[in-house]
C-alpha atoms as a PDB file:
ATOM      1  CA  UNK A   1     133.325  40.012  98.443  1.00  0.00           C
ATOM      2  CA  UNK A   2     129.716  39.502  97.287  1.00  0.00           C
ATOM      3  CA  UNK A   3     128.488  42.471  95.471  1.00  0.00           C
ATOM      4  CA  UNK A   4     124.943  43.096  93.741  1.00  0.00           C
ATOM      5  CA  UNK A   5     124.548  42.755  89.880  1.00  0.00           C
ATOM      6  CA  UNK A   6     124.237  46.082  88.567  1.00  0.00           C
ATOM      7  CA  UNK A   7     120.573  46.028  88.304  1.00  0.00           C
ATOM      8  CA  UNK A   8     120.254  44.290  91.833  1.00  0.00           C
ATOM      9  CA  UNK A   9     122.104  47.151  93.406  1.00  0.00           C
ATOM     10  CA  UNK A  10     119.443  49.822  91.810  1.00  0.00           C
ATOM     11  CA  UNK A  11     116.528  47.893  92.896  1.00  0.00           C
ATOM     12  CA  UNK A  12     118.556  47.739  96.389  1.00  0.00           C
ATOM     13  CA  UNK A  13     118.879  52.066  96.058  1.00  0.00           C
ATOM     14  CA  UNK A  14     115.111  51.961  95.356  1.00  0.00           C
ATOM     15  CA  UNK A  15     114.053  50.160  97.752  1.00  0.00           C
ATOM     16  CA  UNK A  16     115.618  52.010 100.621  1.00  0.00           C
ATOM     17  CA  UNK A  17     114.264  55.575  98.674  1.00  0.00           C
ATOM     18  CA  UNK A  18     110.672  53.822  98.986  1.00  0.00           C
ATOM     19  CA  UNK A  19     110.777  52.996 102.451  1.00  0.00           C
ATOM     20  CA  UNK A  20     111.948  56.659 103.155  1.00  0.00           C
ATOM     21  CA  UNK A  21     108.832  57.766 100.840  1.00  0.00           C
ATOM     22  CA  UNK A  22     106.640  55.934 102.664  1.00  0.00           C
ATOM     23  CA  UNK A  23     107.728  56.721 106.156  1.00  0.00           C
ATOM     24  CA  UNK A  24     107.010  60.581 104.770  1.00  0.00           C
ATOM     25  CA  UNK A  25     103.934  59.942 103.089  1.00  0.00           C
ATOM     26  CA  UNK A  26     102.514  57.657 106.198  1.00  0.00           C
ATOM     27  CA  UNK A  27     103.658  60.687 108.458  1.00  0.00           C
ATOM     28  CA  UNK A  28     105.403  57.968 110.408  1.00  0.00           C
ATOM     29  CA  UNK A  29     108.255  59.955 112.421  1.00  0.00           C
ATOM     30  CA  UNK A  30     110.059  57.066 114.362  1.00  0.00           C
ATOM     31  CA  UNK A  31     113.409  57.652 112.169  1.00  0.00           C
ATOM     32  CA  UNK A  32     112.757  61.087 111.479  1.00  0.00           C
ATOM     33  CA  UNK A  33     115.468  63.057 113.110  1.00  0.00           C
ATOM     34  CA  UNK A  34     115.056  66.735 111.742  1.00  0.00           C
ATOM     35  CA  UNK A  35     112.226  69.046 112.949  1.00  0.00           C
ATOM     36  CA  UNK A  36     111.609  72.111 111.065  1.00  0.00           C
ATOM     37  CA  UNK A  37     109.268  74.743 112.801  1.00  0.00           C
ATOM     38  CA  UNK A  38     107.238  76.769 110.494  1.00  0.00           C
ATOM     39  CA  UNK A  39     104.825  79.893 110.826  1.00  0.00           C
ATOM     40  CA  UNK A  40     102.349  79.476 113.655  1.00  0.00           C
ATOM     41  CA  UNK A  41     104.899  77.161 115.489  1.00  0.00           C
ATOM     42  CA  UNK A  42     103.520  74.475 113.164  1.00  0.00           C
ATOM     43  CA  UNK A  43     106.209  71.476 112.834  1.00  0.00           C
ATOM     44  CA  UNK A  44     107.262  69.158 110.226  1.00  0.00           C
ATOM     45  CA  UNK A  45     109.802  66.457 110.445  1.00  0.00           C
ATOM     46  CA  UNK A  46     112.541  64.819 107.545  1.00  0.00           C
ATOM     47  CA  UNK A  47     114.910  61.980 107.726  1.00  0.00           C
ATOM     48  CA  UNK A  48     118.771  64.078 107.971  1.00  0.00           C
ATOM     49  CA  UNK A  49     119.945  61.405 105.327  1.00  0.00           C
ATOM     50  CA  UNK A  50     117.364  62.936 103.082  1.00  0.00           C
ATOM     51  CA  UNK A  51     117.963  66.531 103.835  1.00  0.00           C
ATOM     52  CA  UNK A  52     121.467  66.259 103.514  1.00  0.00           C
ATOM     53  CA  UNK A  53     121.387  65.175  99.845  1.00  0.00           C
ATOM     54  CA  UNK A  54     119.491  68.397  98.877  1.00  0.00           C
ATOM     55  CA  UNK A  55     119.939  71.068 101.035  1.00  0.00           C
ATOM     56  CA  UNK A  56     123.521  72.574 101.856  1.00  0.00           C
ATOM     57  CA  UNK A  57     121.778  74.131 105.157  1.00  0.00           C
ATOM     58  CA  UNK A  58     121.318  71.004 106.640  1.00  0.00           C
ATOM     59  CA  UNK A  59     124.603  69.388 105.355  1.00  0.00           C
ATOM     60  CA  UNK A  60     126.599  72.076 107.165  1.00  0.00           C
ATOM     61  CA  UNK A  61     124.035  71.649 110.323  1.00  0.00           C
ATOM     62  CA  UNK A  62     125.179  67.868 110.203  1.00  0.00           C
ATOM     63  CA  UNK A  63     128.971  68.874 109.591  1.00  0.00           C
ATOM     64  CA  UNK A  64     129.273  70.825 112.665  1.00  0.00           C
ATOM     65  CA  UNK A  65     127.565  68.394 114.851  1.00  0.00           C
ATOM     66  CA  UNK A  66     124.916  70.684 115.353  1.00  0.00           C
ATOM     67  CA  UNK A  67     122.299  69.199 117.944  1.00  0.00           C
ATOM     68  CA  UNK A  68     118.998  69.170 118.234  1.00  0.00           C
ATOM     69  CA  UNK A  69     118.344  68.981 114.636  1.00  0.00           C
ATOM     70  CA  UNK A  70     116.003  71.508 114.789  1.00  0.00           C
ATOM     71  CA  UNK A  71     115.478  74.596 111.816  1.00  0.00           C
ATOM     72  CA  UNK A  72     113.271  77.568 112.527  1.00  0.00           C
ATOM     73  CA  UNK A  73     111.201  78.921 109.746  1.00  0.00           C
ATOM     74  CA  UNK A  74     109.188  81.187 111.425  1.00  0.00           C
ATOM     75  CA  UNK A  75     108.441  83.285 108.741  1.00  0.00           C
ATOM     76  CA  UNK A  76     107.415  80.440 106.196  1.00  0.00           C
ATOM     77  CA  UNK A  77     104.033  78.954 105.788  1.00  0.00           C
ATOM     78  CA  UNK A  78     104.343  75.330 106.741  1.00  0.00           C
ATOM     79  CA  UNK A  79     102.056  74.338 103.626  1.00  0.00           C
ATOM     80  CA  UNK A  80     105.491  75.482 101.333  1.00  0.00           C
ATOM     81  CA  UNK A  81     107.995  74.121 103.818  1.00  0.00           C
ATOM     82  CA  UNK A  82     106.023  70.652 103.688  1.00  0.00           C
ATOM     83  CA  UNK A  83     106.005  70.661 100.167  1.00  0.00           C
ATOM     84  CA  UNK A  84     109.631  71.377  99.670  1.00  0.00           C
ATOM     85  CA  UNK A  85     110.303  68.484 102.093  1.00  0.00           C
ATOM     86  CA  UNK A  86     107.663  66.389 100.035  1.00  0.00           C
ATOM     87  CA  UNK A  87     110.203  67.261  97.057  1.00  0.00           C
ATOM     88  CA  UNK A  88     113.395  65.997  98.290  1.00  0.00           C
ATOM     89  CA  UNK A  89     111.720  62.572  98.882  1.00  0.00           C
ATOM     90  CA  UNK A  90     110.110  62.248  95.286  1.00  0.00           C
ATOM     91  CA  UNK A  91     111.315  64.799  93.304  1.00  0.00           C
ATOM     92  CA  UNK A  92     107.850  66.365  92.347  1.00  0.00           C
ATOM     93  CA  UNK A  93     106.531  69.430  93.348  1.00  0.00           C
ATOM     94  CA  UNK A  94     102.959  71.324  92.521  1.00  0.00           C
ATOM     95  CA  UNK A  95     103.089  75.231  92.727  1.00  0.00           C
ATOM     96  CA  UNK A  96     100.676  77.845  91.443  1.00  0.00           C
ATOM     97  CA  UNK A  97     102.147  81.143  90.211  1.00  0.00           C
ATOM     98  CA  UNK A  98     101.268  83.196  93.039  1.00  0.00           C
ATOM     99  CA  UNK A  99     103.296  80.539  95.575  1.00  0.00           C
ATOM    100  CA  UNK A 100     106.241  81.090  93.504  1.00  0.00           C
ATOM    101  CA  UNK A 101     108.014  83.627  95.880  1.00  0.00           C
ATOM    102  CA  UNK A 102     107.347  81.927  99.035  1.00  0.00           C
ATOM    103  CA  UNK A 103     108.498  78.504  97.268  1.00  0.00           C
ATOM    104  CA  UNK A 104     112.117  80.349  96.206  1.00  0.00           C
ATOM    105  CA  UNK A 105     112.395  81.936  99.494  1.00  0.00           C
ATOM    106  CA  UNK A 106     112.328  78.562 101.759  1.00  0.00           C
ATOM    107  CA  UNK A 107     114.509  76.897  98.807  1.00  0.00           C
ATOM    108  CA  UNK A 108     117.224  79.792  98.954  1.00  0.00           C
ATOM    109  CA  UNK A 109     117.221  79.473 103.403  1.00  0.00           C
ATOM    110  CA  UNK A 110     117.384  75.777 103.079  1.00  0.00           C
ATOM    111  CA  UNK A 111     120.405  76.443 100.470  1.00  0.00           C
ATOM    112  CA  UNK A 112     118.442  73.601  97.872  1.00  0.00           C
ATOM    113  CA  UNK A 113     120.176  74.418  94.911  1.00  0.00           C
ATOM    114  CA  UNK A 114     118.565  72.093  92.374  1.00  0.00           C
ATOM    115  CA  UNK A 115     114.994  73.038  93.503  1.00  0.00           C
ATOM    116  CA  UNK A 116     116.170  76.776  93.250  1.00  0.00           C
ATOM    117  CA  UNK A 117     117.440  76.052  89.839  1.00  0.00           C
ATOM    118  CA  UNK A 118     113.933  74.352  88.158  1.00  0.00           C
ATOM    119  CA  UNK A 119     111.857  77.339  89.784  1.00  0.00           C
ATOM    120  CA  UNK A 120     113.755  79.707  88.063  1.00  0.00           C
ATOM    121  CA  UNK A 121     113.601  77.861  84.682  1.00  0.00           C
ATOM    122  CA  UNK A 122     109.964  78.135  85.574  1.00  0.00           C
ATOM    123  CA  UNK A 123     109.974  81.192  86.471  1.00  0.00           C
ATOM    124  CA  UNK A 124     111.488  82.528  83.100  1.00  0.00           C
ATOM    125  CA  UNK A 125     108.760  80.929  81.370  1.00  0.00           C
ATOM    126  CA  UNK A 126     106.046  82.124  82.941  1.00  0.00           C
ATOM    127  CA  UNK A 127     107.620  85.738  82.224  1.00  0.00           C
ATOM    128  CA  UNK A 128     107.002  85.248  78.642  1.00  0.00           C
ATOM    129  CA  UNK A 129     103.002  85.626  79.255  1.00  0.00           C
ATOM    130  CA  UNK A 130     102.214  89.430  79.491  1.00  0.00           C
ATOM    131  CA  UNK A 131      99.980  88.677  82.431  1.00  0.00           C
ATOM    132  CA  UNK A 132     102.520  87.334  84.575  1.00  0.00           C
ATOM    133  CA  UNK A 133     105.561  89.866  83.668  1.00  0.00           C
ATOM    134  CA  UNK A 134     105.058  91.919  86.947  1.00  0.00           C
ATOM    135  CA  UNK A 135     104.825  89.328  89.283  1.00  0.00           C
ATOM    136  CA  UNK A 136     108.079  87.873  87.487  1.00  0.00           C
ATOM    137  CA  UNK A 137     109.584  90.907  87.567  1.00  0.00           C
ATOM    138  CA  UNK A 138     109.089  91.555  91.386  1.00  0.00           C
ATOM    139  CA  UNK A 139     109.758  88.149  92.613  1.00  0.00           C
ATOM    140  CA  UNK A 140     113.353  88.100  90.331  1.00  0.00           C
ATOM    141  CA  UNK A 141     114.365  91.237  92.457  1.00  0.00           C
ATOM    142  CA  UNK A 142     113.035  90.108  95.959  1.00  0.00           C
ATOM    143  CA  UNK A 143     116.155  89.707  97.435  1.00  0.00           C
ATOM    144  CA  UNK A 144     114.785  87.103  99.696  1.00  0.00           C
ATOM    145  CA  UNK A 145     114.127  84.598  96.218  1.00  0.00           C
ATOM    146  CA  UNK A 146     117.874  84.582  95.827  1.00  0.00           C
ATOM    147  CA  UNK A 147     117.157  84.651  92.223  1.00  0.00           C
ATOM    148  CA  UNK A 148     120.023  84.478  90.046  1.00  0.00           C
ATOM    149  CA  UNK A 149     121.396  87.785  88.212  1.00  0.00           C
ATOM    150  CA  UNK A 150     121.284  85.725  85.262  1.00  0.00           C
ATOM    151  CA  UNK A 151     117.898  84.803  85.588  1.00  0.00           C
ATOM    152  CA  UNK A 152     117.044  88.679  86.719  1.00  0.00           C
ATOM    153  CA  UNK A 153     118.506  89.949  83.766  1.00  0.00           C
ATOM    154  CA  UNK A 154     116.608  87.644  81.296  1.00  0.00           C
ATOM    155  CA  UNK A 155     113.193  88.557  83.154  1.00  0.00           C
ATOM    156  CA  UNK A 156     114.389  92.230  82.849  1.00  0.00           C
ATOM    157  CA  UNK A 157     114.732  92.254  79.103  1.00  0.00           C
ATOM    158  CA  UNK A 158     111.199  90.414  78.851  1.00  0.00           C
ATOM    159  CA  UNK A 159     109.562  93.014  80.714  1.00  0.00           C
ATOM    160  CA  UNK A 160     111.381  95.885  78.559  1.00  0.00           C
ATOM    161  CA  UNK A 161     109.948  93.815  75.535  1.00  0.00           C
ATOM    162  CA  UNK A 162     106.210  94.119  76.736  1.00  0.00           C
ATOM    163  CA  UNK A 163     106.412  96.938  78.668  1.00  0.00           C
ATOM    164  CA  UNK A 164     104.592  99.371  76.327  1.00  0.00           C
ATOM    165  CA  UNK A 165     101.416  97.380  76.679  1.00  0.00           C
ATOM    166  CA  UNK A 166     101.667  97.505  80.660  1.00  0.00           C
ATOM    167  CA  UNK A 167      98.756 100.065  82.317  1.00  0.00           C
ATOM    168  CA  UNK A 168      99.490 102.690  84.811  1.00  0.00           C
ATOM    169  CA  UNK A 169      97.767 100.295  86.742  1.00  0.00           C
ATOM    170  CA  UNK A 170     100.116  97.410  85.902  1.00  0.00           C
ATOM    171  CA  UNK A 171     103.103  99.703  86.643  1.00  0.00           C
ATOM    172  CA  UNK A 172     101.757 100.384  90.326  1.00  0.00           C
ATOM    173  CA  UNK A 173     102.004  96.889  91.115  1.00  0.00           C
ATOM    174  CA  UNK A 174     105.521  96.891  90.928  1.00  0.00           C
ATOM    175  CA  UNK A 175     107.771  96.624  94.176  1.00  0.00           C
ATOM    176  CA  UNK A 176     110.541  98.998  95.125  1.00  0.00           C
ATOM    177  CA  UNK A 177     113.094  96.281  94.678  1.00  0.00           C
ATOM    178  CA  UNK A 178     112.155  95.748  90.898  1.00  0.00           C
ATOM    179  CA  UNK A 179     111.940  99.747  89.941  1.00  0.00           C
ATOM    180  CA  UNK A 180     115.507 100.118  91.085  1.00  0.00           C
ATOM    181  CA  UNK A 181     116.236  97.352  88.968  1.00  0.00           C
ATOM    182  CA  UNK A 182     114.842  98.952  86.109  1.00  0.00           C
ATOM    183  CA  UNK A 183     116.469 102.522  86.715  1.00  0.00           C
ATOM    184  CA  UNK A 184     119.534 100.827  87.588  1.00  0.00           C
ATOM    185  CA  UNK A 185     120.246  98.195  84.829  1.00  0.00           C
ATOM    186  CA  UNK A 186     123.642  98.488  82.520  1.00  0.00           C
ATOM    187  CA  UNK A 187     121.846  95.866  80.249  1.00  0.00           C
ATOM    188  CA  UNK A 188     118.837  98.218  78.961  1.00  0.00           C
ATOM    189  CA  UNK A 189     120.220 100.479  76.736  1.00  0.00           C
ATOM    190  CA  UNK A 190     118.948 103.532  74.496  1.00  0.00           C
ATOM    191  CA  UNK A 191     115.267 104.636  74.277  1.00  0.00           C
ATOM    192  CA  UNK A 192     114.299 101.638  76.295  1.00  0.00           C
ATOM    193  CA  UNK A 193     116.523 102.788  79.335  1.00  0.00           C
ATOM    194  CA  UNK A 194     114.029 106.356  79.129  1.00  0.00           C
ATOM    195  CA  UNK A 195     110.978 104.283  78.837  1.00  0.00           C
ATOM    196  CA  UNK A 196     111.930 102.371  81.787  1.00  0.00           C
ATOM    197  CA  UNK A 197     112.754 105.506  83.854  1.00  0.00           C
ATOM    198  CA  UNK A 198     109.693 107.288  82.764  1.00  0.00           C
ATOM    199  CA  UNK A 199     107.646 103.817  84.022  1.00  0.00           C
ATOM    200  CA  UNK A 200     109.592 104.769  87.424  1.00  0.00           C
ATOM    201  CA  UNK A 201     108.883 108.442  87.335  1.00  0.00           C
ATOM    202  CA  UNK A 202     104.840 106.910  86.733  1.00  0.00           C
ATOM    203  CA  UNK A 203     105.603 104.756  90.010  1.00  0.00           C
ATOM    204  CA  UNK A 204     106.670 107.928  91.943  1.00  0.00           C
ATOM    205  CA  UNK A 205     104.108 109.703  91.377  1.00  0.00           C
ATOM    206  CA  UNK A 206     102.009 106.989  93.340  1.00  0.00           C
ATOM    207  CA  UNK A 207     101.416 108.900  96.838  1.00  0.00           C
ATOM    208  CA  UNK A 208     101.999 105.286  98.275  1.00  0.00           C
ATOM    209  CA  UNK A 209     105.444 105.415  96.588  1.00  0.00           C
ATOM    210  CA  UNK A 210     106.349 109.051  97.057  1.00  0.00           C
ATOM    211  CA  UNK A 211     108.752 108.171  99.885  1.00  0.00           C
ATOM    212  CA  UNK A 212     111.150 106.013  97.944  1.00  0.00           C
ATOM    213  CA  UNK A 213     112.544 109.058  95.600  1.00  0.00           C
ATOM    214  CA  UNK A 214     115.862 109.003  96.737  1.00  0.00           C
ATOM    215  CA  UNK A 215     116.162 105.332  96.745  1.00  0.00           C
ATOM    216  CA  UNK A 216     114.918 105.113  93.280  1.00  0.00           C
ATOM    217  CA  UNK A 217     116.776 108.498  91.909  1.00  0.00           C
ATOM    218  CA  UNK A 218     119.968 107.365  93.823  1.00  0.00           C
ATOM    219  CA  UNK A 219     120.024 104.335  91.267  1.00  0.00           C
ATOM    220  CA  UNK A 220     119.393 105.638  88.491  1.00  0.00           C
ATOM    221  CA  UNK A 221     122.040 104.785  85.540  1.00  0.00           C
ATOM    222  CA  UNK A 222     122.202 105.846  81.806  1.00  0.00           C
ATOM    223  CA  UNK A 223     124.895 104.649  80.115  1.00  0.00           C
ATOM    224  CA  UNK A 224     125.285 107.551  77.761  1.00  0.00           C
ATOM    225  CA  UNK A 225     125.672 110.540  80.327  1.00  0.00           C
ATOM    226  CA  UNK A 226     128.606 111.346  81.817  1.00  0.00           C
ATOM    227  CA  UNK A 227     128.875 111.243  85.819  1.00  0.00           C
ATOM    228  CA  UNK A 228     128.423 115.083  86.321  1.00  0.00           C
ATOM    229  CA  UNK A 229     125.768 115.169  84.145  1.00  0.00           C
ATOM    230  CA  UNK A 230     123.705 111.909  85.608  1.00  0.00           C
ATOM    231  CA  UNK A 231     124.292 114.105  88.967  1.00  0.00           C
ATOM    232  CA  UNK A 232     122.273 117.497  87.682  1.00  0.00           C
ATOM    233  CA  UNK A 233     119.567 115.038  86.114  1.00  0.00           C
ATOM    234  CA  UNK A 234     119.030 113.291  89.575  1.00  0.00           C
ATOM    235  CA  UNK A 235     119.038 116.870  91.353  1.00  0.00           C
ATOM    236  CA  UNK A 236     116.471 118.488  89.103  1.00  0.00           C
ATOM    237  CA  UNK A 237     114.061 115.531  89.343  1.00  0.00           C
ATOM    238  CA  UNK A 238     114.687 115.654  92.874  1.00  0.00           C
ATOM    239  CA  UNK A 239     113.849 119.077  93.142  1.00  0.00           C
ATOM    240  CA  UNK A 240     110.375 118.566  90.743  1.00  0.00           C
ATOM    241  CA  UNK A 241     109.078 115.797  92.998  1.00  0.00           C
ATOM    242  CA  UNK A 242     109.464 117.622  96.023  1.00  0.00           C
ATOM    243  CA  UNK A 243     108.200 121.319  94.875  1.00  0.00           C
ATOM    244  CA  UNK A 244     105.369 120.191  93.005  1.00  0.00           C
ATOM    245  CA  UNK A 245     101.796 119.021  93.423  1.00  0.00           C
ATOM    246  CA  UNK A 246     100.795 115.652  91.969  1.00  0.00           C
ATOM    247  CA  UNK A 247      98.593 117.664  89.885  1.00  0.00           C
ATOM    248  CA  UNK A 248     101.422 119.293  88.035  1.00  0.00           C
ATOM    249  CA  UNK A 249     103.764 115.844  88.149  1.00  0.00           C
ATOM    250  CA  UNK A 250     101.479 114.263  86.106  1.00  0.00           C
ATOM    251  CA  UNK A 251     102.757 115.179  82.477  1.00  0.00           C
ATOM    252  CA  UNK A 252     106.361 114.940  83.794  1.00  0.00           C
ATOM    253  CA  UNK A 253     108.188 112.716  81.507  1.00  0.00           C
ATOM    254  CA  UNK A 254     112.064 112.440  80.446  1.00  0.00           C
ATOM    255  CA  UNK A 255     112.951 112.596  76.539  1.00  0.00           C
ATOM    256  CA  UNK A 256     116.223 111.979  74.456  1.00  0.00           C
ATOM    257  CA  UNK A 257     116.494 114.275  71.687  1.00  0.00           C
ATOM    258  CA  UNK A 258     119.897 114.687  69.314  1.00  0.00           C
ATOM    259  CA  UNK A 259     121.791 112.307  71.835  1.00  0.00           C
ATOM    260  CA  UNK A 260     120.669 114.966  74.867  1.00  0.00           C
ATOM    261  CA  UNK A 261     118.105 114.111  77.916  1.00  0.00           C
ATOM    262  CA  UNK A 262     114.774 116.216  77.564  1.00  0.00           C
ATOM    263  CA  UNK A 263     112.793 116.794  80.756  1.00  0.00           C
ATOM    264  CA  UNK A 264     109.606 118.013  79.554  1.00  0.00           C
ATOM    265  CA  UNK A 265     105.761 118.373  80.440  1.00  0.00           C
ATOM    266  CA  UNK A 266     104.670 118.625  76.868  1.00  0.00           C
ATOM    267  CA  UNK A 267     104.521 115.334  75.155  1.00  0.00           C
ATOM    268  CA  UNK A 268     103.962 117.017  72.071  1.00  0.00           C
ATOM    269  CA  UNK A 269     107.589 117.997  71.290  1.00  0.00           C
ATOM    270  CA  UNK A 270     109.690 114.738  71.705  1.00  0.00           C
ATOM    271  CA  UNK A 271     107.220 112.034  72.085  1.00  0.00           C
ATOM    272  CA  UNK A 272     107.294 111.437  68.004  1.00  0.00           C
ATOM    273  CA  UNK A 273     111.254 111.552  67.903  1.00  0.00           C
ATOM    274  CA  UNK A 274     111.907 109.453  71.196  1.00  0.00           C
ATOM    275  CA  UNK A 275     109.435 106.731  71.029  1.00  0.00           C
ATOM    276  CA  UNK A 276     108.870 106.692  74.578  1.00  0.00           C
ATOM    277  CA  UNK A 277     105.276 106.212  76.563  1.00  0.00           C
ATOM    278  CA  UNK A 278     103.356 109.720  77.379  1.00  0.00           C
ATOM    279  CA  UNK A 279     100.534 109.536  79.916  1.00  0.00           C
ATOM    280  CA  UNK A 280      98.473 111.103  77.309  1.00  0.00           C
ATOM    281  CA  UNK A 281      98.993 110.295  73.354  1.00  0.00           C
ATOM    282  CA  UNK A 282      99.763 113.742  71.852  1.00  0.00           C
ATOM    283  CA  UNK A 283      96.971 114.265  69.576  1.00  0.00           C
ATOM    284  CA  UNK A 284      94.946 114.418  72.735  1.00  0.00           C
ATOM    285  CA  UNK A 285      96.360 116.664  74.663  1.00  0.00           C
ATOM    286  CA  UNK A 286      94.928 120.016  75.331  1.00  0.00           C
ATOM    287  CA  UNK A 287      97.187 123.006  74.087  1.00  0.00           C
ATOM    288  CA  UNK A 288      95.949 125.781  76.053  1.00  0.00           C
ATOM    289  CA  UNK A 289      95.821 123.176  79.105  1.00  0.00           C
ATOM    290  CA  UNK A 290      98.988 122.280  78.788  1.00  0.00           C
ATOM    291  CA  UNK A 291     100.413 126.006  78.517  1.00  0.00           C
ATOM    292  CA  UNK A 292      98.603 126.681  81.412  1.00  0.00           C
ATOM    293  CA  UNK A 293     100.198 123.871  83.265  1.00  0.00           C
ATOM    294  CA  UNK A 294     103.745 124.519  82.026  1.00  0.00           C
ATOM    295  CA  UNK A 295     103.228 127.989  83.641  1.00  0.00           C
ATOM    296  CA  UNK A 296     101.632 127.193  86.893  1.00  0.00           C
ATOM    297  CA  UNK A 297     105.189 124.800  87.106  1.00  0.00           C
ATOM    298  CA  UNK A 298     107.408 127.705  86.044  1.00  0.00           C
ATOM    299  CA  UNK A 299     105.296 129.769  88.903  1.00  0.00           C
ATOM    300  CA  UNK A 300     105.978 126.912  91.279  1.00  0.00           C
ATOM    301  CA  UNK A 301     109.332 126.202  90.990  1.00  0.00           C
ATOM    302  CA  UNK A 302     110.459 130.112  91.519  1.00  0.00           C
ATOM    303  CA  UNK A 303     108.538 130.228  95.035  1.00  0.00           C
ATOM    304  CA  UNK A 304     110.529 131.154  98.010  1.00  0.00           C
ATOM    305  CA  UNK A 305     114.061 129.756  96.750  1.00  0.00           C
ATOM    306  CA  UNK A 306     116.686 130.478  94.322  1.00  0.00           C
ATOM    307  CA  UNK A 307     116.242 127.805  91.552  1.00  0.00           C
ATOM    308  CA  UNK A 308     117.628 129.522  88.813  1.00  0.00           C
ATOM    309  CA  UNK A 309     119.747 126.217  87.737  1.00  0.00           C
ATOM    310  CA  UNK A 310     116.389 124.809  86.947  1.00  0.00           C
ATOM    311  CA  UNK A 311     115.769 125.592  83.363  1.00  0.00           C
ATOM    312  CA  UNK A 312     112.121 125.809  82.003  1.00  0.00           C
ATOM    313  CA  UNK A 313     110.187 122.584  81.195  1.00  0.00           C
ATOM    314  CA  UNK A 314     109.964 122.719  77.623  1.00  0.00           C
ATOM    315  CA  UNK A 315     113.419 123.540  76.707  1.00  0.00           C
ATOM    316  CA  UNK A 316     116.611 121.134  76.821  1.00  0.00           C
ATOM    317  CA  UNK A 317     118.640 121.518  79.734  1.00  0.00           C
ATOM    318  CA  UNK A 318     122.051 122.101  79.599  1.00  0.00           C
ATOM    319  CA  UNK A 319     123.809 119.447  81.897  1.00  0.00           C
ATOM    320  CA  UNK A 320     127.123 121.167  82.332  1.00  0.00           C
ATOM    321  CA  UNK A 321     125.617 124.657  83.093  1.00  0.00           C
ATOM    322  CA  UNK A 322     123.270 122.753  85.368  1.00  0.00           C
ATOM    323  CA  UNK A 323     126.285 121.229  87.283  1.00  0.00           C
ATOM    324  CA  UNK A 324     128.357 124.442  87.491  1.00  0.00           C
ATOM    325  CA  UNK A 325     125.366 126.610  88.905  1.00  0.00           C
ATOM    326  CA  UNK A 326     124.333 124.124  91.378  1.00  0.00           C
ATOM    327  CA  UNK A 327     127.712 123.663  92.812  1.00  0.00           C
ATOM    328  CA  UNK A 328     128.346 127.640  92.853  1.00  0.00           C
ATOM    329  CA  UNK A 329     124.747 127.560  95.053  1.00  0.00           C
ATOM    330  CA  UNK A 330     126.181 124.771  97.164  1.00  0.00           C
ATOM    331  CA  UNK A 331     129.235 126.708  97.995  1.00  0.00           C
ATOM    332  CA  UNK A 332     127.142 129.756  98.467  1.00  0.00           C
ATOM    333  CA  UNK A 333     125.174 127.875 101.107  1.00  0.00           C
END
């Protein structure tokens, strides 16, 4: 048996790879046997041997003897697919922050685990920058990007650590999936969870997002509340958001006081003790205006329907009592 020495063997393998790379860069398709069809019917090609090394999808296609070797990625941009094919040959890829979502989607579809891991690692680094935390939060919770639960949790924690610096405009840029991830997370504790829920409530006050009320409230989770208490809070908020006009919803926040959840339109009472974000700093709130709004809210929620199970907005709600009364109302209906 004639066997190459170690150095010669490495050079031998390198020559094979170098030859395939040269074919790729010169777009010589004579030996390429996998066709990928992208958006606008643009096509790209690669060698199945290269694809099988990196892609679970292509490996499975070869194992099943699926011919012709054709992959349809009509929802993916040609530029992104081509860049990822280049990565298979070179191990290098350049992507801007705006392109990360598309790159993760293609890597997920093709099952390129190593590239997926590299992109997720860079996404974590990007999330450390306040200017990009919203973008990263949206990507991490996009199901098409298939970001791992571990990375999702890390980025969620980074968001919570920086959310007090975000504006209302920033909040509105969150996607539905990102908002649901925040309110549903069991990893966000205590007052920080109250803050994230207030972010979600603020997000829902946007007329474009109001249709997602049930999806967001249905995902709401607060560790310190029992199931019946959580149900009562959800129904309470759902009723307010459906009955009140946007102008009256604006000051409504939830707070924590003596380990109880408070729903109030008056930030003067609870903001200092709860360290939550409020629409306006307490010292800037006009007292007469608040009293007027509270009276108007109470008037609105009593119109046309028995809503006695909803407490006044500026008092602590008794969740056990809310549940009992609500159950009675449901039985009567």
